[in-house]
């Protein structure tokens, strides 16, 4: 059985969902509007990089 958690977010009025697949240890994201995919991907990357810097 596949277990996943969905977290819905907004970034500058652009909706997206982060999906955590606990069976396969994968994290994905889904956007409401495909045109926003690149911008939201950059936003998520920046969040991860900032978190990494804080933890070092």
PDB file of N, CA and C in Angstrom:
ATOM      1  N   UNK A   1       0.845  -1.180   0.000  1.00  0.00           N
ATOM      2  CA  UNK A   1       0.000   0.000   0.000  1.00  0.00           C
ATOM      3  C   UNK A   1       0.891   1.244   0.000  1.00  0.00           C
ATOM      4  N   UNK A   2       0.552   2.210  -0.793  1.00  0.00           N
ATOM      5  CA  UNK A   2       1.323   3.441  -0.881  1.00  0.00           C
ATOM      6  C   UNK A   2       0.708   4.489   0.049  1.00  0.00           C
ATOM      7  N   UNK A   3       1.558   5.035   0.891  1.00  0.00           N
ATOM      8  CA  UNK A   3       1.127   6.102   1.788  1.00  0.00           C
ATOM      9  C   UNK A   3       1.727   7.410   1.314  1.00  0.00           C
ATOM     10  N   UNK A   4       0.921   8.422   1.255  1.00  0.00           N
ATOM     11  CA  UNK A   4       1.457   9.725   0.865  1.00  0.00           C
ATOM     12  C   UNK A   4       0.748  10.831   1.635  1.00  0.00           C
ATOM     13  N   UNK A   5       1.474  11.907   1.803  1.00  0.00           N
ATOM     14  CA  UNK A   5       0.936  13.098   2.455  1.00  0.00           C
ATOM     15  C   UNK A   5       0.943  14.224   1.444  1.00  0.00           C
ATOM     16  N   UNK A   6      -0.090  15.032   1.481  1.00  0.00           N
ATOM     17  CA  UNK A   6      -0.206  16.160   0.556  1.00  0.00           C
ATOM     18  C   UNK A   6      -0.255  17.456   1.363  1.00  0.00           C
ATOM     19  N   UNK A   7       0.588  18.402   0.984  1.00  0.00           N
ATOM     20  CA  UNK A   7       0.625  19.710   1.631  1.00  0.00           C
ATOM     21  C   UNK A   7       0.342  20.764   0.571  1.00  0.00           C
ATOM     22  N   UNK A   8      -0.736  21.488   0.736  1.00  0.00           N
ATOM     23  CA  UNK A   8      -1.113  22.500  -0.245  1.00  0.00           C
ATOM     24  C   UNK A   8      -0.561  23.860   0.170  1.00  0.00           C
ATOM     25  N   UNK A   9       0.032  24.556  -0.803  1.00  0.00           N
ATOM     26  CA  UNK A   9       0.662  25.853  -0.561  1.00  0.00           C
ATOM     27  C   UNK A   9       0.276  26.854  -1.636  1.00  0.00           C
ATOM     28  N   UNK A  10       0.541  28.104  -1.349  1.00  0.00           N
ATOM     29  CA  UNK A  10       0.401  29.188  -2.337  1.00  0.00           C
ATOM     30  C   UNK A  10       1.701  29.977  -2.320  1.00  0.00           C
ATOM     31  N   UNK A  11       2.172  30.339  -3.496  1.00  0.00           N
ATOM     32  CA  UNK A  11       3.338  31.198  -3.654  1.00  0.00           C
ATOM     33  C   UNK A  11       2.933  32.314  -4.599  1.00  0.00           C
ATOM     34  N   UNK A  12       2.816  33.516  -4.085  1.00  0.00           N
ATOM     35  CA  UNK A  12       2.353  34.676  -4.854  1.00  0.00           C
ATOM     36  C   UNK A  12       1.083  34.304  -5.640  1.00  0.00           C
ATOM     37  N   UNK A  13       0.089  33.818  -4.955  1.00  0.00           N
ATOM     38  CA  UNK A  13      -1.198  33.427  -5.553  1.00  0.00           C
ATOM     39  C   UNK A  13      -1.083  32.317  -6.587  1.00  0.00           C
ATOM     40  N   UNK A  14      -0.008  31.541  -6.541  1.00  0.00           N
ATOM     41  CA  UNK A  14       0.170  30.400  -7.445  1.00  0.00           C
ATOM     42  C   UNK A  14       0.112  29.144  -6.596  1.00  0.00           C
ATOM     43  N   UNK A  15      -0.906  28.340  -6.815  1.00  0.00           N
ATOM     44  CA  UNK A  15      -1.097  27.160  -5.988  1.00  0.00           C
ATOM     45  C   UNK A  15      -0.253  25.981  -6.421  1.00  0.00           C
ATOM     46  N   UNK A  16       0.224  25.243  -5.407  1.00  0.00           N
ATOM     47  CA  UNK A  16       0.933  23.997  -5.682  1.00  0.00           C
ATOM     48  C   UNK A  16       0.795  23.071  -4.483  1.00  0.00           C
ATOM     49  N   UNK A  17       1.034  21.795  -4.716  1.00  0.00           N
ATOM     50  CA  UNK A  17       0.940  20.783  -3.678  1.00  0.00           C
ATOM     51  C   UNK A  17       2.251  20.018  -3.620  1.00  0.00           C
ATOM     52  N   UNK A  18       2.793  19.860  -2.423  1.00  0.00           N
ATOM     53  CA  UNK A  18       3.960  19.008  -2.231  1.00  0.00           C
ATOM     54  C   UNK A  18       3.436  17.649  -1.783  1.00  0.00           C
ATOM     55  N   UNK A  19       3.928  16.599  -2.434  1.00  0.00           N
ATOM     56  CA  UNK A  19       3.475  15.243  -2.150  1.00  0.00           C
ATOM     57  C   UNK A  19       4.650  14.440  -1.605  1.00  0.00           C
ATOM     58  N   UNK A  20       4.501  13.905  -0.396  1.00  0.00           N
ATOM     59  CA  UNK A  20       5.507  13.059   0.225  1.00  0.00           C
ATOM     60  C   UNK A  20       5.035  11.616   0.131  1.00  0.00           C
ATOM     61  N   UNK A  21       5.757  10.805  -0.625  1.00  0.00           N
ATOM     62  CA  UNK A  21       5.448   9.381  -0.767  1.00  0.00           C
ATOM     63  C   UNK A  21       6.314   8.631   0.237  1.00  0.00           C
ATOM     64  N   UNK A  22       5.710   8.176   1.317  1.00  0.00           N
ATOM     65  CA  UNK A  22       6.459   7.548   2.398  1.00  0.00           C
ATOM     66  C   UNK A  22       6.936   6.143   2.062  1.00  0.00           C
ATOM     67  N   UNK A  23       6.276   5.441   1.146  1.00  0.00           N
ATOM     68  CA  UNK A  23       6.723   4.100   0.769  1.00  0.00           C
ATOM     69  C   UNK A  23       8.021   4.144  -0.024  1.00  0.00           C
ATOM     70  N   UNK A  24       8.146   5.101  -0.913  1.00  0.00           N
ATOM     71  CA  UNK A  24       9.318   5.183  -1.789  1.00  0.00           C
ATOM     72  C   UNK A  24      10.270   6.311  -1.412  1.00  0.00           C
ATOM     73  N   UNK A  25       9.989   7.029  -0.333  1.00  0.00           N
ATOM     74  CA  UNK A  25      10.819   8.154   0.114  1.00  0.00           C
ATOM     75  C   UNK A  25      11.054   9.166  -0.999  1.00  0.00           C
ATOM     76  N   UNK A  26       9.986   9.556  -1.665  1.00  0.00           N
ATOM     77  CA  UNK A  26      10.049  10.545  -2.739  1.00  0.00           C
ATOM     78  C   UNK A  26       9.259  11.785  -2.352  1.00  0.00           C
ATOM     79  N   UNK A  27       9.736  12.929  -2.802  1.00  0.00           N
ATOM     80  CA  UNK A  27       9.004  14.177  -2.633  1.00  0.00           C
ATOM     81  C   UNK A  27       8.801  14.776  -4.015  1.00  0.00           C
ATOM     82  N   UNK A  28       7.562  15.063  -4.361  1.00  0.00           N
ATOM     83  CA  UNK A  28       7.213  15.657  -5.647  1.00  0.00           C
ATOM     84  C   UNK A  28       6.356  16.885  -5.405  1.00  0.00           C
ATOM     85  N   UNK A  29       6.132  17.640  -6.466  1.00  0.00           N
ATOM     86  CA  UNK A  29       5.192  18.737  -6.359  1.00  0.00           C
ATOM     87  C   UNK A  29       4.328  18.786  -7.607  1.00  0.00           C
ATOM     88  N   UNK A  30       3.115  19.266  -7.415  1.00  0.00           N
ATOM     89  CA  UNK A  30       2.137  19.395  -8.494  1.00  0.00           C
ATOM     90  C   UNK A  30       1.653  20.840  -8.482  1.00  0.00           C
ATOM     91  N   UNK A  31       1.579  21.455  -9.657  1.00  0.00           N
ATOM     92  CA  UNK A  31       1.150  22.850  -9.746  1.00  0.00           C
ATOM     93  C   UNK A  31      -0.271  22.934 -10.286  1.00  0.00           C
ATOM     94  N   UNK A  32      -0.991  23.971  -9.866  1.00  0.00           N
ATOM     95  CA  UNK A  32      -2.342  24.190 -10.386  1.00  0.00           C
ATOM     96  C   UNK A  32      -2.301  24.610 -11.851  1.00  0.00           C
ATOM     97  N   UNK A  33      -1.312  25.421 -12.203  1.00  0.00           N
ATOM     98  CA  UNK A  33      -1.176  25.913 -13.573  1.00  0.00           C
ATOM     99  C   UNK A  33       0.210  25.521 -14.090  1.00  0.00           C
ATOM    100  N   UNK A  34       0.293  24.671 -15.116  1.00  0.00           N
ATOM    101  CA  UNK A  34       1.591  24.220 -15.628  1.00  0.00           C
ATOM    102  C   UNK A  34       2.536  25.354 -16.033  1.00  0.00           C
ATOM    103  N   UNK A  35       2.001  26.516 -16.366  1.00  0.00           N
ATOM    104  CA  UNK A  35       2.854  27.649 -16.741  1.00  0.00           C
ATOM    105  C   UNK A  35       3.701  28.129 -15.564  1.00  0.00           C
ATOM    106  N   UNK A  36       3.276  27.817 -14.345  1.00  0.00           N
ATOM    107  CA  UNK A  36       3.982  28.262 -13.139  1.00  0.00           C
ATOM    108  C   UNK A  36       5.016  27.255 -12.638  1.00  0.00           C
ATOM    109  N   UNK A  37       5.146  26.126 -13.319  1.00  0.00           N
ATOM    110  CA  UNK A  37       5.994  25.041 -12.825  1.00  0.00           C
ATOM    111  C   UNK A  37       7.440  25.477 -12.592  1.00  0.00           C
ATOM    112  N   UNK A  38       8.035  26.162 -13.543  1.00  0.00           N
ATOM    113  CA  UNK A  38       9.436  26.570 -13.424  1.00  0.00           C
ATOM    114  C   UNK A  38       9.642  27.546 -12.263  1.00  0.00           C
ATOM    115  N   UNK A  39       8.760  28.517 -12.141  1.00  0.00           N
ATOM    116  CA  UNK A  39       8.882  29.510 -11.069  1.00  0.00           C
ATOM    117  C   UNK A  39       8.729  28.862  -9.693  1.00  0.00           C
ATOM    118  N   UNK A  40       7.773  27.955  -9.566  1.00  0.00           N
ATOM    119  CA  UNK A  40       7.556  27.282  -8.285  1.00  0.00           C
ATOM    120  C   UNK A  40       8.720  26.341  -7.976  1.00  0.00           C
ATOM    121  N   UNK A  41       9.265  25.679  -8.990  1.00  0.00           N
ATOM    122  CA  UNK A  41      10.427  24.807  -8.781  1.00  0.00           C
ATOM    123  C   UNK A  41      11.607  25.609  -8.236  1.00  0.00           C
ATOM    124  N   UNK A  42      11.844  26.785  -8.785  1.00  0.00           N
ATOM    125  CA  UNK A  42      12.927  27.648  -8.300  1.00  0.00           C
ATOM    126  C   UNK A  42      12.670  28.076  -6.856  1.00  0.00           C
ATOM    127  N   UNK A  43      11.417  28.384  -6.547  1.00  0.00           N
ATOM    128  CA  UNK A  43      11.049  28.779  -5.188  1.00  0.00           C
ATOM    129  C   UNK A  43      11.334  27.634  -4.205  1.00  0.00           C
ATOM    130  N   UNK A  44      10.942  26.417  -4.563  1.00  0.00           N
ATOM    131  CA  UNK A  44      11.168  25.259  -3.691  1.00  0.00           C
ATOM    132  C   UNK A  44      12.670  25.009  -3.526  1.00  0.00           C
ATOM    133  N   UNK A  45      13.437  25.111  -4.601  1.00  0.00           N
ATOM    134  CA  UNK A  45      14.899  24.939  -4.520  1.00  0.00           C
ATOM    135  C   UNK A  45      15.521  25.961  -3.578  1.00  0.00           C
ATOM    136  N   UNK A  46      15.074  27.200  -3.662  1.00  0.00           N
ATOM    137  CA  UNK A  46      15.590  28.241  -2.766  1.00  0.00           C
ATOM    138  C   UNK A  46      15.268  27.934  -1.310  1.00  0.00           C
ATOM    139  N   UNK A  47      14.066  27.431  -1.053  1.00  0.00           N
ATOM    140  CA  UNK A  47      13.701  27.056   0.318  1.00  0.00           C
ATOM    141  C   UNK A  47      14.634  25.972   0.849  1.00  0.00           C
ATOM    142  N   UNK A  48      14.900  24.967   0.013  1.00  0.00           N
ATOM    143  CA  UNK A  48      15.772  23.858   0.425  1.00  0.00           C
ATOM    144  C   UNK A  48      17.194  24.355   0.660  1.00  0.00           C
ATOM    145  N   UNK A  49      17.709  25.178  -0.244  1.00  0.00           N
ATOM    146  CA  UNK A  49      19.068  25.707  -0.092  1.00  0.00           C
ATOM    147  C   UNK A  49      19.193  26.564   1.168  1.00  0.00           C
ATOM    148  N   UNK A  50      18.197  27.398   1.439  1.00  0.00           N
ATOM    149  CA  UNK A  50      18.227  28.229   2.647  1.00  0.00           C
ATOM    150  C   UNK A  50      18.198  27.375   3.905  1.00  0.00           C
ATOM    151  N   UNK A  51      17.422  26.307   3.903  1.00  0.00           N
ATOM    152  CA  UNK A  51      17.336  25.412   5.050  1.00  0.00           C
ATOM    153  C   UNK A  51      18.672  24.700   5.246  1.00  0.00           C
ATOM    154  N   UNK A  52      19.306  24.316   4.149  1.00  0.00           N
ATOM    155  CA  UNK A  52      20.600  23.631   4.223  1.00  0.00           C
ATOM    156  C   UNK A  52      21.651  24.547   4.843  1.00  0.00           C
ATOM    157  N   UNK A  53      21.678  25.802   4.423  1.00  0.00           N
ATOM    158  CA  UNK A  53      22.639  26.771   4.960  1.00  0.00           C
ATOM    159  C   UNK A  53      22.410  26.968   6.453  1.00  0.00           C
ATOM    160  N   UNK A  54      21.165  27.040   6.876  1.00  0.00           N
ATOM    161  CA  UNK A  54      20.851  27.239   8.297  1.00  0.00           C
ATOM    162  C   UNK A  54      21.293  26.053   9.144  1.00  0.00           C
ATOM    163  N   UNK A  55      21.263  24.842   8.566  1.00  0.00           N
ATOM    164  CA  UNK A  55      21.580  23.648   9.346  1.00  0.00           C
ATOM    165  C   UNK A  55      23.081  23.363   9.413  1.00  0.00           C
ATOM    166  N   UNK A  56      23.876  24.073   8.632  1.00  0.00           N
ATOM    167  CA  UNK A  56      25.331  23.829   8.642  1.00  0.00           C
ATOM    168  C   UNK A  56      26.025  24.562   9.754  1.00  0.00           C
TER     169      UNK A  56
END
